[in-house]
Amino acid sequence: MKDIKLNPIEQFIKDNELEFTGEGSSLNGNCTIIAGYACHKGMSEEYTFIQQFDVTELSKEAEKELRRVFSYAVSKNYGNYWKTKAAANLYKF
């Protein structure tokens, strides 16, 4: 079976085994991680970011949390974290 080429967001989710099926702090944490990474990849529009989820199934709660967290991540420059050694040591990207 041929592997599907994933976009950078989906690849990051797969490589770092992030799940968006939980709730509460687990869901918030994973949403924050992927939102910050998306900012690092140059995404600044919520629509563009959400469109990247073509393989990962998102519940309505997960999509709502992603939208909320992404707006905050953009406004607070969360993409800068991904330029650090700490990020490189914790995540595969």
PDB file of N, CA and C in Angstrom:
ATOM      1  N   MET A   1       0.839  -1.176   0.000  1.00  0.00           N
ATOM      2  CA  MET A   1       0.000   0.000   0.000  1.00  0.00           C
ATOM      3  C   MET A   1       0.885   1.241   0.000  1.00  0.00           C
ATOM      4  N   LYS A   2       0.561   2.200  -0.816  1.00  0.00           N
ATOM      5  CA  LYS A   2       1.341   3.415  -0.975  1.00  0.00           C
ATOM      6  C   LYS A   2       1.029   4.400   0.158  1.00  0.00           C
ATOM      7  N   ASP A   3       2.079   4.984   0.733  1.00  0.00           N
ATOM      8  CA  ASP A   3       1.896   5.979   1.784  1.00  0.00           C
ATOM      9  C   ASP A   3       1.341   7.266   1.195  1.00  0.00           C
ATOM     10  N   ILE A   4       0.431   7.875   1.932  1.00  0.00           N
ATOM     11  CA  ILE A   4      -0.118   9.161   1.539  1.00  0.00           C
ATOM     12  C   ILE A   4       0.863  10.237   1.973  1.00  0.00           C
ATOM     13  N   LYS A   5       1.171  11.179   1.064  1.00  0.00           N
ATOM     14  CA  LYS A   5       2.034  12.296   1.431  1.00  0.00           C
ATOM     15  C   LYS A   5       1.206  13.278   2.246  1.00  0.00           C
ATOM     16  N   LEU A   6       1.653  13.510   3.464  1.00  0.00           N
ATOM     17  CA  LEU A   6       0.921  14.373   4.376  1.00  0.00           C
ATOM     18  C   LEU A   6       1.440  15.804   4.311  1.00  0.00           C
ATOM     19  N   ASN A   7       0.549  16.754   4.573  1.00  0.00           N
ATOM     20  CA  ASN A   7       0.978  18.143   4.664  1.00  0.00           C
ATOM     21  C   ASN A   7       1.770  18.306   5.969  1.00  0.00           C
ATOM     22  N   PRO A   8       2.481  19.415   6.143  1.00  0.00           N
ATOM     23  CA  PRO A   8       3.332  19.575   7.331  1.00  0.00           C
ATOM     24  C   PRO A   8       2.601  19.444   8.671  1.00  0.00           C
ATOM     25  N   ILE A   9       1.371  19.904   8.751  1.00  0.00           N
ATOM     26  CA  ILE A   9       0.624  19.816  10.003  1.00  0.00           C
ATOM     27  C   ILE A   9       0.276  18.362  10.304  1.00  0.00           C
ATOM     28  N   GLU A  10      -0.257  17.666   9.319  1.00  0.00           N
ATOM     29  CA  GLU A  10      -0.613  16.255   9.510  1.00  0.00           C
ATOM     30  C   GLU A  10       0.635  15.415   9.799  1.00  0.00           C
ATOM     31  N   GLN A  11       1.745  15.723   9.131  1.00  0.00           N
ATOM     32  CA  GLN A  11       2.989  14.978   9.377  1.00  0.00           C
ATOM     33  C   GLN A  11       3.461  15.192  10.808  1.00  0.00           C
ATOM     34  N   PHE A  12       3.383  16.426  11.283  1.00  0.00           N
ATOM     35  CA  PHE A  12       3.780  16.739  12.654  1.00  0.00           C
ATOM     36  C   PHE A  12       2.901  15.973  13.644  1.00  0.00           C
ATOM     37  N   ILE A  13       1.601  15.953  13.405  1.00  0.00           N
ATOM     38  CA  ILE A  13       0.672  15.222  14.275  1.00  0.00           C
ATOM     39  C   ILE A  13       1.052  13.748  14.322  1.00  0.00           C
ATOM     40  N   LYS A  14       1.302  13.168  13.162  1.00  0.00           N
ATOM     41  CA  LYS A  14       1.672  11.740  13.084  1.00  0.00           C
ATOM     42  C   LYS A  14       3.001  11.484  13.784  1.00  0.00           C
ATOM     43  N   ASP A  15       4.014  12.279  13.460  1.00  0.00           N
ATOM     44  CA  ASP A  15       5.358  12.061  14.010  1.00  0.00           C
ATOM     45  C   ASP A  15       5.404  12.205  15.529  1.00  0.00           C
ATOM     46  N   ASN A  16       4.551  13.057  16.068  1.00  0.00           N
ATOM     47  CA  ASN A  16       4.580  13.326  17.508  1.00  0.00           C
ATOM     48  C   ASN A  16       3.403  12.693  18.254  1.00  0.00           C
ATOM     49  N   GLU A  17       2.658  11.864  17.525  1.00  0.00           N
ATOM     50  CA  GLU A  17       1.561  11.087  18.096  1.00  0.00           C
ATOM     51  C   GLU A  17       0.571  11.945  18.893  1.00  0.00           C
ATOM     52  N   LEU A  18       0.199  13.071  18.311  1.00  0.00           N
ATOM     53  CA  LEU A  18      -0.788  13.946  18.951  1.00  0.00           C
ATOM     54  C   LEU A  18      -2.186  13.418  18.659  1.00  0.00           C
ATOM     55  N   GLU A  19      -3.046  13.500  19.648  1.00  0.00           N
ATOM     56  CA  GLU A  19      -4.430  13.066  19.489  1.00  0.00           C
ATOM     57  C   GLU A  19      -5.360  14.232  19.801  1.00  0.00           C
ATOM     58  N   PHE A  20      -6.474  14.251  19.110  1.00  0.00           N
ATOM     59  CA  PHE A  20      -7.462  15.308  19.295  1.00  0.00           C
ATOM     60  C   PHE A  20      -8.828  14.717  19.622  1.00  0.00           C
ATOM     61  N   THR A  21      -8.785  13.596  20.341  1.00  0.00           N
ATOM     62  CA  THR A  21     -10.020  12.925  20.734  1.00  0.00           C
ATOM     63  C   THR A  21     -10.323  13.113  22.212  1.00  0.00           C
ATOM     64  N   GLY A  22      -9.373  13.618  22.958  1.00  0.00           N
ATOM     65  CA  GLY A  22      -9.552  13.811  24.395  1.00  0.00           C
ATOM     66  C   GLY A  22     -10.368  15.052  24.686  1.00  0.00           C
ATOM     67  N   GLU A  23     -10.286  15.465  25.929  1.00  0.00           N
ATOM     68  CA  GLU A  23     -10.989  16.679  26.330  1.00  0.00           C
ATOM     69  C   GLU A  23     -10.190  17.348  27.435  1.00  0.00           C
ATOM     70  N   GLY A  24     -10.624  18.517  27.841  1.00  0.00           N
ATOM     71  CA  GLY A  24      -9.975  19.227  28.932  1.00  0.00           C
ATOM     72  C   GLY A  24      -8.539  19.598  28.629  1.00  0.00           C
ATOM     73  N   SER A  25      -7.669  19.423  29.626  1.00  0.00           N
ATOM     74  CA  SER A  25      -6.281  19.869  29.491  1.00  0.00           C
ATOM     75  C   SER A  25      -5.509  19.065  28.447  1.00  0.00           C
ATOM     76  N   SER A  26      -5.859  17.803  28.240  1.00  0.00           N
ATOM     77  CA  SER A  26      -5.200  16.998  27.212  1.00  0.00           C
ATOM     78  C   SER A  26      -5.461  17.580  25.828  1.00  0.00           C
ATOM     79  N   LEU A  27      -6.712  17.880  25.554  1.00  0.00           N
ATOM     80  CA  LEU A  27      -7.075  18.465  24.263  1.00  0.00           C
ATOM     81  C   LEU A  27      -6.445  19.843  24.114  1.00  0.00           C
ATOM     82  N   ASN A  28      -6.536  20.662  25.157  1.00  0.00           N
ATOM     83  CA  ASN A  28      -5.971  22.006  25.112  1.00  0.00           C
ATOM     84  C   ASN A  28      -4.470  21.951  24.861  1.00  0.00           C
ATOM     85  N   GLY A  29      -3.768  21.057  25.530  1.00  0.00           N
ATOM     86  CA  GLY A  29      -2.320  20.944  25.360  1.00  0.00           C
ATOM     87  C   GLY A  29      -1.936  20.604  23.937  1.00  0.00           C
ATOM     88  N   ASN A  30      -2.600  19.611  23.343  1.00  0.00           N
ATOM     89  CA  ASN A  30      -2.283  19.223  21.972  1.00  0.00           C
ATOM     90  C   ASN A  30      -2.675  20.311  20.981  1.00  0.00           C
ATOM     91  N   CYS A  31      -3.769  21.004  21.245  1.00  0.00           N
ATOM     92  CA  CYS A  31      -4.165  22.118  20.373  1.00  0.00           C
ATOM     93  C   CYS A  31      -3.135  23.242  20.436  1.00  0.00           C
ATOM     94  N   THR A  32      -2.633  23.509  21.616  1.00  0.00           N
ATOM     95  CA  THR A  32      -1.626  24.559  21.790  1.00  0.00           C
ATOM     96  C   THR A  32      -0.338  24.191  21.064  1.00  0.00           C
ATOM     97  N   ILE A  33       0.066  22.941  21.167  1.00  0.00           N
ATOM     98  CA  ILE A  33       1.278  22.477  20.487  1.00  0.00           C
ATOM     99  C   ILE A  33       1.145  22.661  18.984  1.00  0.00           C
ATOM    100  N   ILE A  34       0.061  22.164  18.411  1.00  0.00           N
ATOM    101  CA  ILE A  34      -0.069  22.220  16.957  1.00  0.00           C
ATOM    102  C   ILE A  34      -0.322  23.641  16.464  1.00  0.00           C
ATOM    103  N   ALA A  35      -0.987  24.454  17.256  1.00  0.00           N
ATOM    104  CA  ALA A  35      -1.202  25.859  16.865  1.00  0.00           C
ATOM    105  C   ALA A  35       0.122  26.611  16.836  1.00  0.00           C
ATOM    106  N   GLY A  36       0.957  26.404  17.841  1.00  0.00           N
ATOM    107  CA  GLY A  36       2.267  27.049  17.860  1.00  0.00           C
ATOM    108  C   GLY A  36       3.139  26.606  16.697  1.00  0.00           C
ATOM    109  N   TYR A  37       3.085  25.307  16.408  1.00  0.00           N
ATOM    110  CA  TYR A  37       3.864  24.786  15.284  1.00  0.00           C
ATOM    111  C   TYR A  37       3.369  25.388  13.963  1.00  0.00           C
ATOM    112  N   ALA A  38       2.057  25.522  13.823  1.00  0.00           N
ATOM    113  CA  ALA A  38       1.498  26.126  12.606  1.00  0.00           C
ATOM    114  C   ALA A  38       1.969  27.571  12.452  1.00  0.00           C
ATOM    115  N   CYS A  39       2.035  28.295  13.548  1.00  0.00           N
ATOM    116  CA  CYS A  39       2.561  29.662  13.508  1.00  0.00           C
ATOM    117  C   CYS A  39       4.017  29.649  13.039  1.00  0.00           C
ATOM    118  N   HIS A  40       4.780  28.704  13.534  1.00  0.00           N
ATOM    119  CA  HIS A  40       6.181  28.546  13.126  1.00  0.00           C
ATOM    120  C   HIS A  40       6.286  28.294  11.619  1.00  0.00           C
ATOM    121  N   LYS A  41       5.313  27.553  11.074  1.00  0.00           N
ATOM    122  CA  LYS A  41       5.314  27.239   9.642  1.00  0.00           C
ATOM    123  C   LYS A  41       4.781  28.397   8.796  1.00  0.00           C
ATOM    124  N   GLY A  42       4.447  29.515   9.446  1.00  0.00           N
ATOM    125  CA  GLY A  42       4.037  30.701   8.711  1.00  0.00           C
ATOM    126  C   GLY A  42       2.547  30.857   8.510  1.00  0.00           C
ATOM    127  N   MET A  43       1.768  30.019   9.151  1.00  0.00           N
ATOM    128  CA  MET A  43       0.314  30.160   9.032  1.00  0.00           C
ATOM    129  C   MET A  43      -0.144  31.252   9.980  1.00  0.00           C
ATOM    130  N   SER A  44      -0.960  32.135   9.452  1.00  0.00           N
ATOM    131  CA  SER A  44      -1.455  33.226  10.295  1.00  0.00           C
ATOM    132  C   SER A  44      -2.968  33.376  10.208  1.00  0.00           C
ATOM    133  N   GLU A  45      -3.581  32.594   9.347  1.00  0.00           N
ATOM    134  CA  GLU A  45      -5.032  32.661   9.201  1.00  0.00           C
ATOM    135  C   GLU A  45      -5.665  31.371   9.679  1.00  0.00           C
ATOM    136  N   GLU A  46      -6.684  31.512  10.488  1.00  0.00           N
ATOM    137  CA  GLU A  46      -7.386  30.361  11.054  1.00  0.00           C
ATOM    138  C   GLU A  46      -7.890  29.412   9.964  1.00  0.00           C
ATOM    139  N   TYR A  47      -8.459  29.956   8.905  1.00  0.00           N
ATOM    140  CA  TYR A  47      -9.000  29.128   7.827  1.00  0.00           C
ATOM    141  C   TYR A  47      -7.911  28.239   7.225  1.00  0.00           C
ATOM    142  N   THR A  48      -6.763  28.831   6.926  1.00  0.00           N
ATOM    143  CA  THR A  48      -5.651  28.067   6.357  1.00  0.00           C
ATOM    144  C   THR A  48      -5.214  26.958   7.296  1.00  0.00           C
ATOM    145  N   PHE A  49      -5.138  27.267   8.573  1.00  0.00           N
ATOM    146  CA  PHE A  49      -4.724  26.291   9.572  1.00  0.00           C
ATOM    147  C   PHE A  49      -5.714  25.132   9.652  1.00  0.00           C
ATOM    148  N   ILE A  50      -6.984  25.410   9.785  1.00  0.00           N
ATOM    149  CA  ILE A  50      -7.995  24.366   9.939  1.00  0.00           C
ATOM    150  C   ILE A  50      -8.076  23.488   8.688  1.00  0.00           C
ATOM    151  N   GLN A  51      -7.837  24.058   7.531  1.00  0.00           N
ATOM    152  CA  GLN A  51      -7.887  23.287   6.287  1.00  0.00           C
ATOM    153  C   GLN A  51      -6.787  22.221   6.219  1.00  0.00           C
ATOM    154  N   GLN A  52      -5.767  22.328   7.042  1.00  0.00           N
ATOM    155  CA  GLN A  52      -4.673  21.355   7.045  1.00  0.00           C
ATOM    156  C   GLN A  52      -5.097  20.005   7.628  1.00  0.00           C
ATOM    157  N   PHE A  53      -6.208  19.981   8.346  1.00  0.00           N
ATOM    158  CA  PHE A  53      -6.664  18.750   8.978  1.00  0.00           C
ATOM    159  C   PHE A  53      -7.516  17.946   8.004  1.00  0.00           C
ATOM    160  N   ASP A  54      -6.837  17.241   7.091  1.00  0.00           N
ATOM    161  CA  ASP A  54      -7.585  16.452   6.122  1.00  0.00           C
ATOM    162  C   ASP A  54      -7.501  14.955   6.403  1.00  0.00           C
ATOM    163  N   VAL A  55      -6.644  14.543   7.302  1.00  0.00           N
ATOM    164  CA  VAL A  55      -6.534  13.138   7.687  1.00  0.00           C
ATOM    165  C   VAL A  55      -6.994  12.959   9.133  1.00  0.00           C
ATOM    166  N   THR A  56      -6.588  13.864  10.002  1.00  0.00           N
ATOM    167  CA  THR A  56      -6.954  13.795  11.408  1.00  0.00           C
ATOM    168  C   THR A  56      -8.429  14.132  11.574  1.00  0.00           C
ATOM    169  N   GLU A  57      -9.157  13.224  12.204  1.00  0.00           N
ATOM    170  CA  GLU A  57     -10.569  13.491  12.458  1.00  0.00           C
ATOM    171  C   GLU A  57     -10.704  14.392  13.674  1.00  0.00           C
ATOM    172  N   LEU A  58     -11.496  15.421  13.517  1.00  0.00           N
ATOM    173  CA  LEU A  58     -11.698  16.379  14.596  1.00  0.00           C
ATOM    174  C   LEU A  58     -13.155  16.373  15.038  1.00  0.00           C
ATOM    175  N   SER A  59     -13.355  16.261  16.330  1.00  0.00           N
ATOM    176  CA  SER A  59     -14.698  16.428  16.868  1.00  0.00           C
ATOM    177  C   SER A  59     -15.037  17.911  16.819  1.00  0.00           C
ATOM    178  N   LYS A  60     -16.297  18.240  17.001  1.00  0.00           N
ATOM    179  CA  LYS A  60     -16.694  19.655  17.043  1.00  0.00           C
ATOM    180  C   LYS A  60     -15.973  20.364  18.184  1.00  0.00           C
ATOM    181  N   GLU A  61     -15.810  19.678  19.316  1.00  0.00           N
ATOM    182  CA  GLU A  61     -15.116  20.261  20.466  1.00  0.00           C
ATOM    183  C   GLU A  61     -13.651  20.539  20.134  1.00  0.00           C
ATOM    184  N   ALA A  62     -13.002  19.585  19.439  1.00  0.00           N
ATOM    185  CA  ALA A  62     -11.595  19.764  19.072  1.00  0.00           C
ATOM    186  C   ALA A  62     -11.435  20.919  18.083  1.00  0.00           C
ATOM    187  N   GLU A  63     -12.313  20.992  17.102  1.00  0.00           N
ATOM    188  CA  GLU A  63     -12.203  22.084  16.131  1.00  0.00           C
ATOM    189  C   GLU A  63     -12.421  23.435  16.808  1.00  0.00           C
ATOM    190  N   LYS A  64     -13.376  23.503  17.700  1.00  0.00           N
ATOM    191  CA  LYS A  64     -13.634  24.750  18.435  1.00  0.00           C
ATOM    192  C   LYS A  64     -12.409  25.151  19.256  1.00  0.00           C
ATOM    193  N   GLU A  65     -11.802  24.176  19.935  1.00  0.00           N
ATOM    194  CA  GLU A  65     -10.612  24.455  20.749  1.00  0.00           C
ATOM    195  C   GLU A  65      -9.437  24.858  19.875  1.00  0.00           C
ATOM    196  N   LEU A  66      -9.268  24.212  18.736  1.00  0.00           N
ATOM    197  CA  LEU A  66      -8.193  24.574  17.808  1.00  0.00           C
ATOM    198  C   LEU A  66      -8.337  26.015  17.326  1.00  0.00           C
ATOM    199  N   ARG A  67      -9.535  26.399  16.997  1.00  0.00           N
ATOM    200  CA  ARG A  67      -9.767  27.771  16.528  1.00  0.00           C
ATOM    201  C   ARG A  67      -9.453  28.775  17.644  1.00  0.00           C
ATOM    202  N   ARG A  68      -9.904  28.469  18.850  1.00  0.00           N
ATOM    203  CA  ARG A  68      -9.688  29.373  19.978  1.00  0.00           C
ATOM    204  C   ARG A  68      -8.190  29.499  20.282  1.00  0.00           C
ATOM    205  N   VAL A  69      -7.519  28.388  20.371  1.00  0.00           N
ATOM    206  CA  VAL A  69      -6.099  28.377  20.727  1.00  0.00           C
ATOM    207  C   VAL A  69      -5.251  28.985  19.606  1.00  0.00           C
ATOM    208  N   PHE A  70      -5.614  28.718  18.358  1.00  0.00           N
ATOM    209  CA  PHE A  70      -4.827  29.249  17.244  1.00  0.00           C
ATOM    210  C   PHE A  70      -4.827  30.772  17.239  1.00  0.00           C
ATOM    211  N   SER A  71      -5.979  31.375  17.442  1.00  0.00           N
ATOM    212  CA  SER A  71      -6.049  32.845  17.482  1.00  0.00           C
ATOM    213  C   SER A  71      -5.140  33.406  18.568  1.00  0.00           C
ATOM    214  N   TYR A  72      -5.144  32.758  19.708  1.00  0.00           N
ATOM    215  CA  TYR A  72      -4.292  33.188  20.815  1.00  0.00           C
ATOM    216  C   TYR A  72      -2.813  32.985  20.466  1.00  0.00           C
ATOM    217  N   ALA A  73      -2.492  31.832  19.875  1.00  0.00           N
ATOM    218  CA  ALA A  73      -1.103  31.525  19.519  1.00  0.00           C
ATOM    219  C   ALA A  73      -0.549  32.543  18.526  1.00  0.00           C
ATOM    220  N   VAL A  74      -1.359  32.939  17.567  1.00  0.00           N
ATOM    221  CA  VAL A  74      -0.923  33.945  16.592  1.00  0.00           C
ATOM    222  C   VAL A  74      -0.644  35.263  17.300  1.00  0.00           C
ATOM    223  N   SER A  75      -1.575  35.681  18.154  1.00  0.00           N
ATOM    224  CA  SER A  75      -1.432  36.986  18.816  1.00  0.00           C
ATOM    225  C   SER A  75      -0.262  37.033  19.793  1.00  0.00           C
ATOM    226  N   LYS A  76       0.144  35.890  20.326  1.00  0.00           N
ATOM    227  CA  LYS A  76       1.229  35.833  21.310  1.00  0.00           C
ATOM    228  C   LYS A  76       2.539  35.290  20.732  1.00  0.00           C
ATOM    229  N   ASN A  77       2.615  35.164  19.405  1.00  0.00           N
ATOM    230  CA  ASN A  77       3.844  34.726  18.722  1.00  0.00           C
ATOM    231  C   ASN A  77       4.352  33.373  19.205  1.00  0.00           C
ATOM    232  N   TYR A  78       3.458  32.412  19.341  1.00  0.00           N
ATOM    233  CA  TYR A  78       3.862  31.073  19.788  1.00  0.00           C
ATOM    234  C   TYR A  78       4.809  30.382  18.807  1.00  0.00           C
ATOM    235  N   GLY A  79       4.872  30.855  17.590  1.00  0.00           N
ATOM    236  CA  GLY A  79       5.780  30.258  16.611  1.00  0.00           C
ATOM    237  C   GLY A  79       7.238  30.404  16.996  1.00  0.00           C
ATOM    238  N   ASN A  80       7.565  31.405  17.792  1.00  0.00           N
ATOM    239  CA  ASN A  80       8.957  31.629  18.190  1.00  0.00           C
ATOM    240  C   ASN A  80       9.529  30.472  19.006  1.00  0.00           C
ATOM    241  N   TYR A  81       8.696  29.804  19.781  1.00  0.00           N
ATOM    242  CA  TYR A  81       9.154  28.670  20.598  1.00  0.00           C
ATOM    243  C   TYR A  81       9.810  27.594  19.738  1.00  0.00           C
ATOM    244  N   TRP A  82       9.309  27.426  18.533  1.00  0.00           N
ATOM    245  CA  TRP A  82       9.783  26.348  17.668  1.00  0.00           C
ATOM    246  C   TRP A  82      11.158  26.609  17.076  1.00  0.00           C
ATOM    247  N   LYS A  83      11.734  27.762  17.379  1.00  0.00           N
ATOM    248  CA  LYS A  83      13.097  28.074  16.959  1.00  0.00           C
ATOM    249  C   LYS A  83      14.110  27.688  18.036  1.00  0.00           C
ATOM    250  N   THR A  84      13.634  27.180  19.164  1.00  0.00           N
ATOM    251  CA  THR A  84      14.502  26.886  20.300  1.00  0.00           C
ATOM    252  C   THR A  84      14.996  25.439  20.297  1.00  0.00           C
ATOM    253  N   LYS A  85      16.093  25.221  21.010  1.00  0.00           N
ATOM    254  CA  LYS A  85      16.611  23.858  21.174  1.00  0.00           C
ATOM    255  C   LYS A  85      15.642  23.008  21.981  1.00  0.00           C
ATOM    256  N   ALA A  86      14.944  23.626  22.926  1.00  0.00           N
ATOM    257  CA  ALA A  86      13.974  22.887  23.744  1.00  0.00           C
ATOM    258  C   ALA A  86      12.911  22.244  22.864  1.00  0.00           C
ATOM    259  N   ALA A  87      12.401  22.984  21.908  1.00  0.00           N
ATOM    260  CA  ALA A  87      11.388  22.436  21.002  1.00  0.00           C
ATOM    261  C   ALA A  87      11.972  21.297  20.174  1.00  0.00           C
ATOM    262  N   ALA A  88      13.183  21.501  19.674  1.00  0.00           N
ATOM    263  CA  ALA A  88      13.828  20.466  18.865  1.00  0.00           C
ATOM    264  C   ALA A  88      14.098  19.200  19.669  1.00  0.00           C
ATOM    265  N   ASN A  89      14.334  19.353  20.961  1.00  0.00           N
ATOM    266  CA  ASN A  89      14.585  18.189  21.804  1.00  0.00           C
ATOM    267  C   ASN A  89      13.308  17.452  22.173  1.00  0.00           C
ATOM    268  N   LEU A  90      12.186  18.149  22.203  1.00  0.00           N
ATOM    269  CA  LEU A  90      10.924  17.536  22.632  1.00  0.00           C
ATOM    270  C   LEU A  90      10.088  16.979  21.483  1.00  0.00           C
ATOM    271  N   TYR A  91      10.204  17.561  20.289  1.00  0.00           N
ATOM    272  CA  TYR A  91       9.328  17.207  19.198  1.00  0.00           C
ATOM    273  C   TYR A  91      10.116  16.887  17.928  1.00  0.00           C
ATOM    274  N   LYS A  92       9.509  16.081  17.100  1.00  0.00           N
ATOM    275  CA  LYS A  92      10.086  15.760  15.810  1.00  0.00           C
ATOM    276  C   LYS A  92       9.463  16.696  14.764  1.00  0.00           C
ATOM    277  N   PHE A  93      10.307  17.508  14.137  1.00  0.00           N
ATOM    278  CA  PHE A  93       9.824  18.405  13.071  1.00  0.00           C
ATOM    279  C   PHE A  93      10.972  18.813  12.168  1.00  0.00           C
TER     280      PHE A  93
END
